[in-house]
Amino acid sequence: MKYKKRIKMKKSIVTTGVIAILAFGYIGTSMYTGNLIEENLDTNLAEFTQQFNSNQQIFNLQISHNNDEKGIFSTKTHLKVTLTQKKQIINNDDSVIVLYDDDATIYHGPFPLTALANGSFSPQLAWLEFAITEKTNPTLWKLAGNKPYISGHAGVSYSDYFTVKLATEAIKLTHSDFDLIDENSVFEQGKWNILLEKQNNSSDLSIQASLDKLNLEIDKDNAISLNDLNISFKPAQNTSTIDYDININSLKMKGAEYGSSTDVGFNGLTTKGNINFKDYKLDYQSEINRLTVSIGKGASTAINNIELNKLVLNQQIELNKKNNTVNGSLFNSVDSIIYGKQNLGNGSFDFSFKGIDKKDIFNKSYMNYFEDLEDVTDNLPFNTILTLNKLNWHNAAGDININFVLDINDLNYILNSGDDSSKDTDERIDTLKLKVEAPFDVMAQFYAQFENPQNSEVTEQQVNSVKSNIKLSAEMFLSHVPIFVFNNGKTDGIFSDISVTKDSDEVLVNGETMSKKFFFNEFK
């Protein structure tokens, strides 16, 4: 018995010793971690803000801290996070946006309890938890239901993996809360969740955000509502390119004017692509699963409803720095358009351009906040190529197809110069091609369906009646234009096939030749 008691006592001593060693080891590690935090905090914050600021051209982020108090297991500090606009994009009298200005506690690793409570079980160098207090912003505290409007945490692992997670409470604003909101208006914002992550490579940063709902009711007849917004941004390594992905489950807009109402609904909106702020490149692909428009007092009836299914919009823009011109492309398509009960068909538009003056793109579009471009080559002539690869509309009666190519020298000079001594336009054209195939049957089918939305089908009599009117109008307005014919040998319609090249004095028009001078004189 004494022998067994001695064994138990020895085991107890060993266990106690192991626990003591582990405890002292953890305390030592925690103290060492605290020293690392103290030595490297400013460097880590500087690296993070530098990367954030260099990868976008909208805001400058600044993070500062003071009143540090280092303990064994934690360090207390006062943290301030602000944003300032790089350029005046948002019209706001306040030049500085304060995101956070309050005390915070940094917990030392390797296994802070607060990190474990948040589901992070990997060793952490430091873990920071924060929440906006009532003292910092009493208004937001009250609007959030007497609790922090913004709360979250940040963690840094021993391998330099950096993560920040933010969450907001839902709020509802009226005129009494915010003067900029009209008296009859209500603004309702759901919960934001934001995640920032940086891998051990300092140039690898990603941002993800989600919002469950956003509603703005201007009055009972005018409102906007959004549900399930998800956004992600990821700057590409060692470039000024940002990859993005935006998804919206539904977006609804309601408006009324002069006694007539309009309801517009978007379902399944997605857009993804990348923007290069330095080299002026834009490339995105967007899709709307369903777009519905209801117009008029009887907006609930089928006759006033228009539905577009799988609407696609893709665009590319790129600056040619050699002559400060822009190249790009635009593609649109729709799988079906339903008007009332009629399926009007499907269509696509495929267009590309090369050598468009930069001012016509950057100074007149949503990209006008990019840095100004120097006009170092404004007087340098360049060729502009406009290509309509395909314009197509398809319905039960067949297809309408149009394609077009124009390659012309110094188009910008021709459009803006009033000098009569300049070269004739036809001498500047390197290539001009046009092909039009628009059968009357297809046009008549479309217009007959459009005039009878209450039915799902159209009769032969309805189609023939519309066809006669279209044919009469086409011959009345286009018969004197030599590039059009009204039969291609197979069917009636509007047809054209033109080919102009720089090295030929003749133009091929619908299988026949004419002089280039005569051809262009017809359009002067």
Protein backbone atom coordinates (compact mmCIF):
# COMPACT_ATOMS: atom_id res chain seq x y z
CA MET A 1 0.00 0.00 0.00
CA LYS A 2 2.79 2.41 0.87
CA TYR A 3 4.45 1.57 -2.41
CA LYS A 4 1.27 2.40 -4.37
CA LYS A 5 0.87 5.67 -2.46
CA ARG A 6 4.44 6.63 -3.37
CA ILE A 7 3.73 5.91 -7.05
CA LYS A 8 0.58 8.06 -6.94
CA MET A 9 2.48 10.81 -5.18
CA LYS A 10 5.24 10.71 -7.78
CA LYS A 11 2.65 10.86 -10.60
CA SER A 12 0.99 13.82 -8.92
CA ILE A 13 4.33 15.60 -8.55
CA VAL A 14 5.18 14.91 -12.21
CA THR A 15 1.75 16.13 -13.36
CA THR A 16 2.03 19.26 -11.24
CA GLY A 17 5.51 19.84 -12.61
CA VAL A 18 4.37 19.46 -16.21
CA ILE A 19 1.49 21.85 -15.62
CA ALA A 20 3.84 24.32 -13.95
CA ILE A 21 6.34 24.07 -16.81
CA LEU A 22 3.57 24.56 -19.36
CA ALA A 23 2.15 27.48 -17.40
CA PHE A 24 5.53 29.19 -17.06
CA GLY A 25 6.24 28.38 -20.71
CA TYR A 26 2.95 29.90 -21.81
CA ILE A 27 3.56 32.98 -19.67
CA GLY A 28 7.04 33.29 -21.12
CA THR A 29 5.74 32.87 -24.65
CA SER A 30 2.99 35.40 -23.99
CA MET A 31 5.51 37.92 -22.61
CA TYR A 32 7.80 37.31 -25.59
CA THR A 33 4.84 37.78 -27.91
CA GLY A 34 4.02 41.05 -26.14
CA ASN A 35 7.55 42.26 -26.84
CA LEU A 36 7.21 41.26 -30.51
CA ILE A 37 3.95 43.17 -30.75
CA GLU A 38 5.53 46.24 -29.18
CA GLU A 39 8.51 46.07 -31.55
CA ASN A 40 6.60 45.34 -34.76
CA LEU A 41 3.15 46.90 -34.35
CA ASP A 42 4.00 50.15 -36.13
CA THR A 43 5.75 48.30 -38.97
CA ASN A 44 2.84 45.91 -39.51
CA LEU A 45 0.28 48.71 -39.48
CA ALA A 46 2.38 50.74 -41.93
CA GLU A 47 2.69 47.78 -44.33
CA PHE A 48 -1.04 47.11 -44.22
CA THR A 49 -2.07 50.75 -44.81
CA GLN A 50 0.54 51.17 -47.57
CA GLN A 51 -0.82 48.16 -49.43
CA PHE A 52 -4.44 49.26 -48.98
CA ASN A 53 -3.67 52.79 -50.21
CA SER A 54 -1.55 51.73 -53.19
CA ASN A 55 -4.11 49.28 -54.55
CA GLN A 56 -7.00 51.71 -54.98
CA GLN A 57 -7.39 55.35 -55.98
CA ILE A 58 -10.37 56.38 -53.83
CA PHE A 59 -9.35 56.56 -50.15
CA ASN A 60 -6.26 56.93 -47.99
CA LEU A 61 -6.40 54.76 -44.86
CA GLN A 62 -4.61 55.88 -41.71
CA ILE A 63 -4.25 53.82 -38.50
CA SER A 64 -2.63 55.26 -35.39
CA HIS A 65 -2.36 54.23 -31.73
CA ASN A 66 -1.21 55.77 -28.45
CA ASN A 67 -1.32 55.32 -24.66
CA ASP A 68 0.00 51.75 -24.92
CA GLU A 69 -0.02 49.73 -21.67
CA LYS A 70 1.70 46.35 -21.99
CA GLY A 71 0.80 43.53 -19.61
CA ILE A 72 1.68 39.83 -19.49
CA PHE A 73 -1.28 38.55 -21.48
CA SER A 74 -2.49 41.71 -23.21
CA THR A 75 -1.65 45.23 -24.28
CA LYS A 76 -4.13 48.10 -23.96
CA THR A 77 -3.99 50.93 -26.50
CA HIS A 78 -6.07 53.75 -27.99
CA LEU A 79 -6.75 53.04 -31.65
CA LYS A 80 -7.86 55.52 -34.34
CA VAL A 81 -8.78 54.52 -37.90
CA THR A 82 -9.65 57.18 -40.50
CA LEU A 83 -10.31 57.51 -44.24
CA THR A 84 -9.62 60.55 -46.43
CA GLN A 85 -10.60 60.92 -50.09
CA LYS A 86 -7.74 60.93 -52.60
CA LYS A 87 -9.99 62.88 -54.98
CA GLN A 88 -13.34 64.54 -54.39
CA ILE A 89 -15.62 61.68 -55.41
CA ILE A 90 -18.09 61.80 -52.54
CA ASN A 91 -19.50 65.29 -51.96
CA ASN A 92 -19.07 65.55 -48.23
CA ASP A 93 -18.05 68.52 -46.14
CA ASP A 94 -16.07 66.25 -43.81
CA SER A 95 -12.66 65.60 -45.36
CA VAL A 96 -11.88 62.89 -42.78
CA ILE A 97 -14.13 59.88 -42.13
CA VAL A 98 -13.52 58.43 -38.65
CA LEU A 99 -14.11 54.67 -38.64
CA TYR A 100 -12.87 54.00 -35.11
CA ASP A 101 -11.54 56.16 -32.28
CA ASP A 102 -11.60 54.29 -28.99
CA ASP A 103 -9.66 52.08 -26.57
CA ALA A 104 -8.81 48.54 -27.65
CA THR A 105 -7.13 45.49 -26.11
CA ILE A 106 -4.51 43.42 -27.97
CA TYR A 107 -4.34 39.87 -26.55
CA HIS A 108 -0.97 38.11 -26.75
CA GLY A 109 -0.51 34.66 -28.31
CA PRO A 110 -0.08 31.88 -28.80
CA PHE A 111 -3.69 30.92 -27.96
CA PRO A 112 -5.74 33.93 -26.83
CA LEU A 113 -9.06 32.82 -25.35
CA THR A 114 -10.89 35.45 -27.39
CA ALA A 115 -9.45 33.94 -30.59
CA LEU A 116 -10.49 30.43 -29.54
CA ALA A 117 -13.99 31.75 -28.78
CA ASN A 118 -14.18 33.05 -32.36
CA GLY A 119 -13.25 29.68 -33.84
CA SER A 120 -9.58 30.46 -34.56
CA PHE A 121 -7.54 27.50 -33.27
CA SER A 122 -4.23 28.20 -35.03
CA PRO A 123 -1.48 29.93 -32.99
CA GLN A 124 -1.90 33.72 -33.02
CA LEU A 125 0.81 36.29 -32.47
CA ALA A 126 -1.81 38.87 -31.50
CA TRP A 127 -5.58 39.15 -31.33
CA LEU A 128 -7.49 42.42 -31.12
CA GLU A 129 -11.17 42.81 -30.29
CA PHE A 130 -12.95 46.14 -30.61
CA ALA A 131 -16.41 47.70 -30.57
CA ILE A 132 -17.60 51.28 -30.94
CA THR A 133 -18.83 52.48 -27.58
CA GLU A 134 -21.65 54.84 -26.71
CA LYS A 135 -19.04 57.46 -25.83
CA THR A 136 -17.51 57.38 -29.32
CA ASN A 137 -20.79 57.80 -31.19
CA PRO A 138 -23.95 58.14 -29.06
CA THR A 139 -26.19 58.45 -32.16
CA LEU A 140 -25.09 55.18 -33.75
CA TRP A 141 -25.22 53.47 -30.36
CA LYS A 142 -28.87 54.46 -29.99
CA LEU A 143 -29.79 53.58 -33.60
CA ALA A 144 -28.20 50.14 -33.17
CA GLY A 145 -30.46 49.37 -30.22
CA ASN A 146 -28.17 50.61 -27.43
CA LYS A 147 -25.25 48.41 -28.45
CA PRO A 148 -22.11 48.80 -30.59
CA TYR A 149 -22.93 49.66 -34.22
CA ILE A 150 -19.53 48.30 -35.35
CA SER A 151 -17.71 45.45 -33.66
CA GLY A 152 -15.07 42.99 -34.75
CA HIS A 153 -11.66 41.50 -34.28
CA ALA A 154 -8.24 41.38 -35.92
CA GLY A 155 -5.63 38.66 -35.72
CA VAL A 156 -2.01 38.18 -36.76
CA SER A 157 -0.53 34.68 -36.88
CA TYR A 158 3.14 33.80 -36.35
CA SER A 159 3.40 33.23 -40.12
CA ASP A 160 2.22 36.81 -40.80
CA TYR A 161 -1.32 35.84 -41.84
CA PHE A 162 -3.41 38.92 -41.08
CA THR A 163 -7.19 38.97 -40.79
CA VAL A 164 -9.76 41.63 -39.85
CA LYS A 165 -13.45 40.90 -39.40
CA LEU A 166 -16.06 43.62 -38.95
CA ALA A 167 -19.79 43.41 -38.33
CA THR A 168 -22.44 46.11 -38.06
CA GLU A 169 -25.90 46.13 -36.56
CA ALA A 170 -29.00 46.93 -38.62
CA ILE A 171 -30.20 50.53 -38.37
CA LYS A 172 -33.23 52.55 -39.45
CA LEU A 173 -33.04 56.29 -40.15
CA THR A 174 -35.73 58.94 -40.53
CA HIS A 175 -35.65 62.72 -40.87
CA SER A 176 -35.50 63.10 -37.10
CA ASP A 177 -32.27 61.05 -37.06
CA PHE A 178 -30.57 62.61 -40.09
CA ASP A 179 -31.37 65.97 -41.69
CA LEU A 180 -30.47 64.88 -45.23
CA ILE A 181 -33.36 62.38 -45.20
CA ASP A 182 -36.67 63.91 -46.30
CA GLU A 183 -39.53 64.09 -43.82
CA ASN A 184 -41.53 61.30 -45.48
CA SER A 185 -38.51 59.11 -46.21
CA VAL A 186 -37.14 56.09 -44.37
CA PHE A 187 -33.66 54.59 -44.81
CA GLU A 188 -33.11 51.06 -43.55
CA GLN A 189 -29.73 49.30 -43.61
CA GLY A 190 -29.29 45.66 -42.71
CA LYS A 191 -26.21 43.99 -41.25
CA TRP A 192 -22.80 44.35 -42.89
CA ASN A 193 -20.15 41.63 -42.52
CA ILE A 194 -16.68 42.53 -43.76
CA LEU A 195 -13.57 40.34 -43.90
CA LEU A 196 -10.04 41.52 -44.80
CA GLU A 197 -7.28 38.94 -45.20
CA LYS A 198 -3.57 39.27 -46.01
CA GLN A 199 -1.37 36.24 -46.57
CA ASN A 200 2.29 36.18 -45.59
CA ASN A 201 3.05 37.78 -48.96
CA SER A 202 2.63 41.50 -48.26
CA SER A 203 1.10 42.11 -51.71
CA ASP A 204 -1.67 39.54 -51.27
CA LEU A 205 -4.78 41.19 -49.83
CA SER A 206 -8.45 40.27 -50.21
CA ILE A 207 -11.64 41.97 -49.05
CA GLN A 208 -15.07 40.37 -48.77
CA ALA A 209 -18.28 42.07 -47.71
CA SER A 210 -21.95 41.11 -47.44
CA LEU A 211 -25.12 43.04 -46.69
CA ASP A 212 -28.45 41.33 -46.10
CA LYS A 213 -30.71 44.25 -47.07
CA LEU A 214 -30.86 47.96 -47.91
CA ASN A 215 -34.13 49.87 -48.26
CA LEU A 216 -34.88 53.50 -49.10
CA GLU A 217 -38.52 54.58 -49.08
CA ILE A 218 -38.75 58.13 -50.41
CA ASP A 219 -42.53 58.06 -50.06
CA LYS A 220 -45.29 55.47 -50.44
CA ASP A 221 -44.98 55.54 -54.26
CA ASN A 222 -41.18 55.76 -54.66
CA ALA A 223 -38.79 53.26 -53.14
CA ILE A 224 -35.63 51.19 -53.70
CA SER A 225 -34.84 47.89 -52.01
CA LEU A 226 -31.83 45.57 -52.24
CA ASN A 227 -31.38 42.07 -50.81
CA ASP A 228 -28.30 39.86 -50.32
CA LEU A 229 -25.37 41.89 -51.59
CA ASN A 230 -22.01 40.10 -51.70
CA ILE A 231 -18.78 41.81 -52.75
CA SER A 232 -15.18 40.67 -53.02
CA PHE A 233 -12.07 42.61 -54.01
CA LYS A 234 -8.60 41.17 -54.52
CA PRO A 235 -5.68 43.32 -55.69
CA ALA A 236 -3.42 41.43 -58.10
CA GLN A 237 0.15 40.96 -56.90
CA ASN A 238 2.72 43.61 -57.90
CA THR A 239 0.24 45.54 -60.13
CA SER A 240 -2.40 48.24 -59.85
CA THR A 241 -5.10 45.78 -60.90
CA ILE A 242 -8.04 44.89 -58.66
CA ASP A 243 -10.16 41.82 -59.32
CA TYR A 244 -13.74 42.16 -58.13
CA ASP A 245 -16.91 40.09 -57.91
CA ILE A 246 -20.31 41.56 -57.01
CA ASN A 247 -23.55 39.60 -56.57
CA ILE A 248 -27.03 40.90 -55.73
CA ASN A 249 -29.91 38.52 -55.18
CA SER A 250 -32.61 41.10 -55.92
CA LEU A 251 -32.98 44.83 -56.56
CA LYS A 252 -36.38 46.50 -56.81
CA MET A 253 -37.29 50.08 -57.74
CA LYS A 254 -40.72 51.65 -57.59
CA GLY A 255 -41.63 55.07 -58.94
CA ALA A 256 -44.68 57.15 -59.76
CA GLU A 257 -45.05 60.32 -61.81
CA TYR A 258 -48.07 62.12 -63.25
CA GLY A 259 -50.39 59.40 -62.00
CA SER A 260 -48.49 56.57 -63.70
CA SER A 261 -46.45 53.99 -61.82
CA THR A 262 -43.35 52.04 -62.86
CA ASP A 263 -41.94 48.99 -61.11
CA VAL A 264 -38.50 47.63 -62.07
CA GLY A 265 -37.13 44.41 -60.63
CA PHE A 266 -33.71 42.77 -61.03
CA ASN A 267 -33.10 39.18 -59.95
CA GLY A 268 -29.72 37.48 -59.89
CA LEU A 269 -27.34 40.36 -60.71
CA THR A 270 -23.68 39.41 -61.06
CA THR A 271 -20.69 41.36 -62.28
CA LYS A 272 -17.04 40.38 -62.09
CA GLY A 273 -13.86 41.60 -63.70
CA ASN A 274 -10.81 43.72 -63.04
CA ILE A 275 -9.77 47.37 -63.11
CA ASN A 276 -6.22 48.61 -63.62
CA PHE A 277 -6.02 52.17 -62.28
CA LYS A 278 -2.49 52.75 -63.53
CA ASP A 279 -2.75 51.46 -67.10
CA TYR A 280 -6.42 52.42 -67.62
CA LYS A 281 -7.76 48.96 -68.28
CA LEU A 282 -11.26 47.75 -67.58
CA ASP A 283 -12.60 44.25 -68.18
CA TYR A 284 -15.90 43.01 -66.77
CA GLN A 285 -18.68 40.50 -67.37
CA SER A 286 -22.17 41.20 -66.05
CA GLU A 287 -25.38 39.20 -66.09
CA ILE A 288 -28.96 39.75 -64.94
CA ASN A 289 -30.91 36.54 -64.60
CA ARG A 290 -34.26 38.31 -64.91
CA LEU A 291 -35.28 41.95 -65.42
CA THR A 292 -38.95 42.88 -65.16
CA VAL A 293 -40.56 46.24 -65.93
CA SER A 294 -44.20 47.04 -65.17
CA ILE A 295 -45.59 50.32 -66.48
CA GLY A 296 -48.88 52.15 -66.03
CA LYS A 297 -51.78 52.19 -63.61
CA GLY A 298 -52.53 48.55 -64.38
CA ALA A 299 -48.94 47.51 -63.78
CA SER A 300 -50.08 44.20 -62.34
CA THR A 301 -51.64 43.11 -65.64
CA ALA A 302 -49.65 41.06 -68.14
CA ILE A 303 -50.11 43.61 -70.96
CA ASN A 304 -48.02 46.18 -69.08
CA ASN A 305 -45.23 43.76 -68.15
CA ILE A 306 -41.91 43.37 -69.96
CA GLU A 307 -39.53 40.60 -68.88
CA LEU A 308 -35.93 40.16 -70.06
CA ASN A 309 -34.28 36.84 -69.26
CA LYS A 310 -30.53 36.30 -68.95
CA LEU A 311 -29.35 39.75 -69.97
CA VAL A 312 -25.57 39.77 -70.52
CA LEU A 313 -23.26 42.81 -70.72
CA ASN A 314 -19.49 42.36 -71.21
CA GLN A 315 -17.06 45.22 -71.78
CA GLN A 316 -13.33 45.73 -72.24
CA ILE A 317 -11.45 49.05 -72.37
CA GLU A 318 -7.69 49.52 -72.66
CA LEU A 319 -5.56 52.62 -73.23
CA ASN A 320 -2.92 52.58 -75.97
CA LYS A 321 -0.24 54.80 -74.43
CA LYS A 322 1.62 55.21 -77.75
CA ASN A 323 -1.03 57.58 -79.10
CA ASN A 324 -3.39 57.96 -76.12
CA THR A 325 -6.24 56.22 -77.90
CA VAL A 326 -8.58 53.60 -76.49
CA ASN A 327 -9.29 50.06 -77.69
CA GLY A 328 -12.17 47.97 -76.44
CA SER A 329 -15.24 45.88 -77.01
CA LEU A 330 -18.87 45.66 -75.95
CA PHE A 331 -21.09 42.59 -76.01
CA ASN A 332 -24.79 42.39 -75.12
CA SER A 333 -27.24 39.53 -75.39
CA VAL A 334 -30.67 38.55 -74.10
CA ASP A 335 -32.11 35.02 -74.09
CA SER A 336 -35.72 36.16 -74.36
CA ILE A 337 -37.95 39.21 -74.10
CA ILE A 338 -41.47 38.54 -72.88
CA TYR A 339 -43.98 41.33 -73.54
CA GLY A 340 -47.33 40.52 -71.98
CA LYS A 341 -47.80 36.91 -73.09
CA GLN A 342 -45.66 37.20 -76.22
CA ASN A 343 -42.10 35.88 -76.50
CA LEU A 344 -40.56 38.47 -78.83
CA GLY A 345 -37.36 36.46 -79.35
CA ASN A 346 -33.67 36.75 -78.47
CA GLY A 347 -30.80 38.89 -79.69
CA SER A 348 -27.17 39.88 -79.40
CA PHE A 349 -24.92 42.88 -80.07
CA ASP A 350 -21.17 42.38 -80.55
CA PHE A 351 -19.14 45.57 -81.11
CA SER A 352 -15.42 46.38 -80.94
CA PHE A 353 -13.38 49.53 -81.48
CA LYS A 354 -9.77 50.55 -81.84
CA GLY A 355 -8.22 54.01 -81.87
CA ILE A 356 -10.98 56.05 -80.21
CA ASP A 357 -9.78 59.36 -78.77
CA LYS A 358 -9.23 58.97 -75.02
CA LYS A 359 -11.31 62.08 -74.26
CA ASP A 360 -14.41 60.43 -75.71
CA ILE A 361 -14.06 57.54 -73.25
CA PHE A 362 -12.40 58.61 -70.01
CA ASN A 363 -13.68 62.18 -69.72
CA LYS A 364 -17.32 61.27 -70.38
CA SER A 365 -17.82 58.04 -68.48
CA TYR A 366 -17.86 56.51 -65.03
CA MET A 367 -14.06 56.25 -65.22
CA ASN A 368 -13.52 60.02 -65.09
CA TYR A 369 -12.00 59.82 -61.59
CA PHE A 370 -8.86 58.19 -63.02
CA GLU A 371 -5.74 60.30 -63.02
CA ASP A 372 -5.58 62.89 -65.80
CA LEU A 373 -3.84 61.79 -68.99
CA GLU A 374 -1.19 64.00 -70.54
CA ASP A 375 -1.98 65.27 -74.04
CA VAL A 376 1.47 64.47 -75.41
CA THR A 377 0.30 63.04 -78.75
CA ASP A 378 -2.87 64.99 -79.55
CA ASN A 379 -1.66 65.96 -83.03
CA LEU A 380 -0.54 62.48 -84.01
CA PRO A 381 -2.87 60.99 -86.70
CA PHE A 382 -4.13 57.49 -86.04
CA ASN A 383 -6.50 54.99 -87.56
CA THR A 384 -9.84 54.28 -85.96
CA ILE A 385 -11.49 50.92 -86.55
CA LEU A 386 -15.15 50.41 -85.67
CA THR A 387 -16.45 46.87 -86.03
CA LEU A 388 -19.99 45.67 -85.54
CA ASN A 389 -19.17 41.98 -85.50
CA LYS A 390 -22.82 41.03 -85.29
CA LEU A 391 -26.19 42.52 -84.53
CA ASN A 392 -28.72 39.70 -84.46
CA TRP A 393 -32.39 39.31 -83.64
CA HIS A 394 -34.07 35.92 -83.79
CA ASN A 395 -37.74 35.00 -83.53
CA ALA A 396 -40.10 32.33 -84.84
CA ALA A 397 -39.92 33.79 -88.37
CA GLY A 398 -36.13 33.79 -88.70
CA ASP A 399 -33.16 36.14 -88.15
CA ILE A 400 -32.11 39.73 -88.73
CA ASN A 401 -28.32 40.10 -89.07
CA ILE A 402 -26.21 43.22 -89.51
CA ASN A 403 -22.42 43.56 -89.49
CA PHE A 404 -20.21 46.53 -90.25
CA VAL A 405 -16.51 47.51 -90.44
CA LEU A 406 -15.05 51.02 -90.78
CA ASP A 407 -11.29 51.59 -90.83
CA ILE A 408 -10.64 55.32 -91.20
CA ASN A 409 -7.62 57.57 -90.71
CA ASP A 410 -7.82 60.39 -88.15
CA LEU A 411 -11.55 60.22 -87.46
CA ASN A 412 -11.24 62.72 -84.62
CA TYR A 413 -9.79 65.35 -86.99
CA ILE A 414 -12.63 64.86 -89.48
CA LEU A 415 -15.29 65.25 -86.80
CA ASN A 416 -13.77 68.36 -85.21
CA SER A 417 -12.15 70.21 -88.12
CA GLY A 418 -13.95 72.86 -90.18
CA ASP A 419 -11.11 73.10 -92.70
CA ASP A 420 -12.56 72.65 -96.23
CA SER A 421 -9.07 72.02 -97.62
CA SER A 422 -8.74 68.77 -95.71
CA LYS A 423 -8.69 65.49 -97.58
CA ASP A 424 -12.08 64.12 -98.57
CA THR A 425 -13.53 61.58 -96.18
CA ASP A 426 -13.49 58.84 -98.83
CA GLU A 427 -9.70 59.26 -99.22
CA ARG A 428 -9.24 58.64 -95.49
CA ILE A 429 -11.22 55.38 -95.51
CA ASP A 430 -9.06 52.26 -95.67
CA THR A 431 -11.97 49.81 -95.38
CA LEU A 432 -15.75 50.08 -95.29
CA LYS A 433 -17.92 46.98 -95.21
CA LEU A 434 -21.64 46.72 -94.48
CA LYS A 435 -24.00 43.76 -94.66
CA VAL A 436 -27.69 43.96 -93.79
CA GLU A 437 -30.11 41.03 -93.88
CA ALA A 438 -33.52 42.05 -92.51
CA PRO A 439 -36.39 39.93 -93.92
CA PHE A 440 -39.84 41.53 -93.74
CA ASP A 441 -41.18 38.27 -92.25
CA VAL A 442 -38.99 38.66 -89.14
CA MET A 443 -39.84 42.35 -88.67
CA ALA A 444 -43.57 41.66 -89.20
CA GLN A 445 -43.51 38.82 -86.66
CA PHE A 446 -41.93 41.15 -84.07
CA TYR A 447 -44.34 44.06 -84.59
CA ALA A 448 -47.42 41.81 -84.75
CA GLN A 449 -46.45 40.25 -81.42
CA PHE A 450 -45.77 43.70 -79.95
CA GLU A 451 -49.23 44.91 -81.00
CA ASN A 452 -50.96 41.88 -79.47
CA PRO A 453 -49.41 41.31 -76.03
CA GLN A 454 -52.65 39.93 -74.60
CA ASN A 455 -52.23 36.75 -76.68
CA SER A 456 -49.42 34.19 -76.67
CA GLU A 457 -49.62 33.69 -80.47
CA VAL A 458 -50.29 35.88 -83.53
CA THR A 459 -52.40 34.96 -86.54
CA GLU A 460 -51.20 34.88 -90.15
CA GLN A 461 -53.61 37.72 -90.92
CA GLN A 462 -52.09 39.91 -88.18
CA VAL A 463 -48.55 39.24 -89.46
CA ASN A 464 -49.46 39.92 -93.12
CA SER A 465 -51.21 43.17 -92.21
CA VAL A 466 -48.12 44.47 -90.41
CA LYS A 467 -45.84 43.14 -93.16
CA SER A 468 -47.64 45.20 -95.84
CA ASN A 469 -47.17 48.39 -93.79
CA ILE A 470 -43.48 47.69 -93.15
CA LYS A 471 -42.82 46.97 -96.82
CA LEU A 472 -44.61 50.15 -97.91
CA SER A 473 -42.67 52.29 -95.41
CA ALA A 474 -39.31 50.75 -96.37
CA GLU A 475 -39.84 51.39 -100.06
CA MET A 476 -41.07 54.93 -99.37
CA PHE A 477 -38.08 56.00 -97.30
CA LEU A 478 -35.23 53.83 -98.65
CA SER A 479 -35.96 53.30 -102.37
CA HIS A 480 -33.88 56.34 -103.34
CA VAL A 481 -30.85 55.09 -101.33
CA PRO A 482 -28.71 53.05 -103.74
CA ILE A 483 -27.17 50.77 -101.11
CA PHE A 484 -30.46 49.02 -100.29
CA VAL A 485 -32.45 46.40 -102.19
CA PHE A 486 -35.73 44.78 -101.14
CA ASN A 487 -35.17 41.21 -102.29
CA ASN A 488 -32.11 38.98 -102.05
CA GLY A 489 -33.36 36.41 -104.54
CA LYS A 490 -34.96 34.30 -101.81
CA THR A 491 -37.20 36.56 -99.75
CA ASP A 492 -38.39 40.15 -99.40
CA GLY A 493 -36.79 42.46 -96.89
CA ILE A 494 -34.14 45.17 -96.51
CA PHE A 495 -30.74 43.98 -97.76
CA SER A 496 -27.37 45.58 -98.35
CA ASP A 497 -23.86 44.27 -99.10
CA ILE A 498 -21.15 46.94 -99.48
CA SER A 499 -17.38 46.68 -99.80
CA VAL A 500 -15.02 49.69 -100.02
CA THR A 501 -11.22 49.34 -99.95
CA LYS A 502 -8.49 51.95 -100.16
CA ASP A 503 -6.61 50.33 -103.06
CA SER A 504 -9.64 50.28 -105.41
CA ASP A 505 -11.49 53.12 -107.18
CA GLU A 506 -14.59 50.96 -107.37
CA VAL A 507 -17.16 50.03 -104.76
CA LEU A 508 -18.98 46.72 -104.71
CA VAL A 509 -22.67 47.28 -103.85
CA ASN A 510 -25.04 44.31 -103.76
CA GLY A 511 -23.03 42.42 -106.37
CA GLU A 512 -22.64 45.41 -108.71
CA THR A 513 -19.78 47.88 -109.05
CA MET A 514 -19.88 51.67 -109.10
CA SER A 515 -17.20 54.34 -108.90
CA LYS A 516 -16.04 55.36 -105.47
CA LYS A 517 -16.65 59.02 -106.34
CA PHE A 518 -20.27 58.34 -107.35
CA PHE A 519 -20.85 56.23 -104.24
CA PHE A 520 -19.69 58.91 -101.78
CA ASN A 521 -21.36 61.75 -103.71
CA GLU A 522 -24.68 60.02 -103.04
CA PHE A 523 -24.21 60.69 -99.31
CA LYS A 524 -23.06 64.32 -99.48
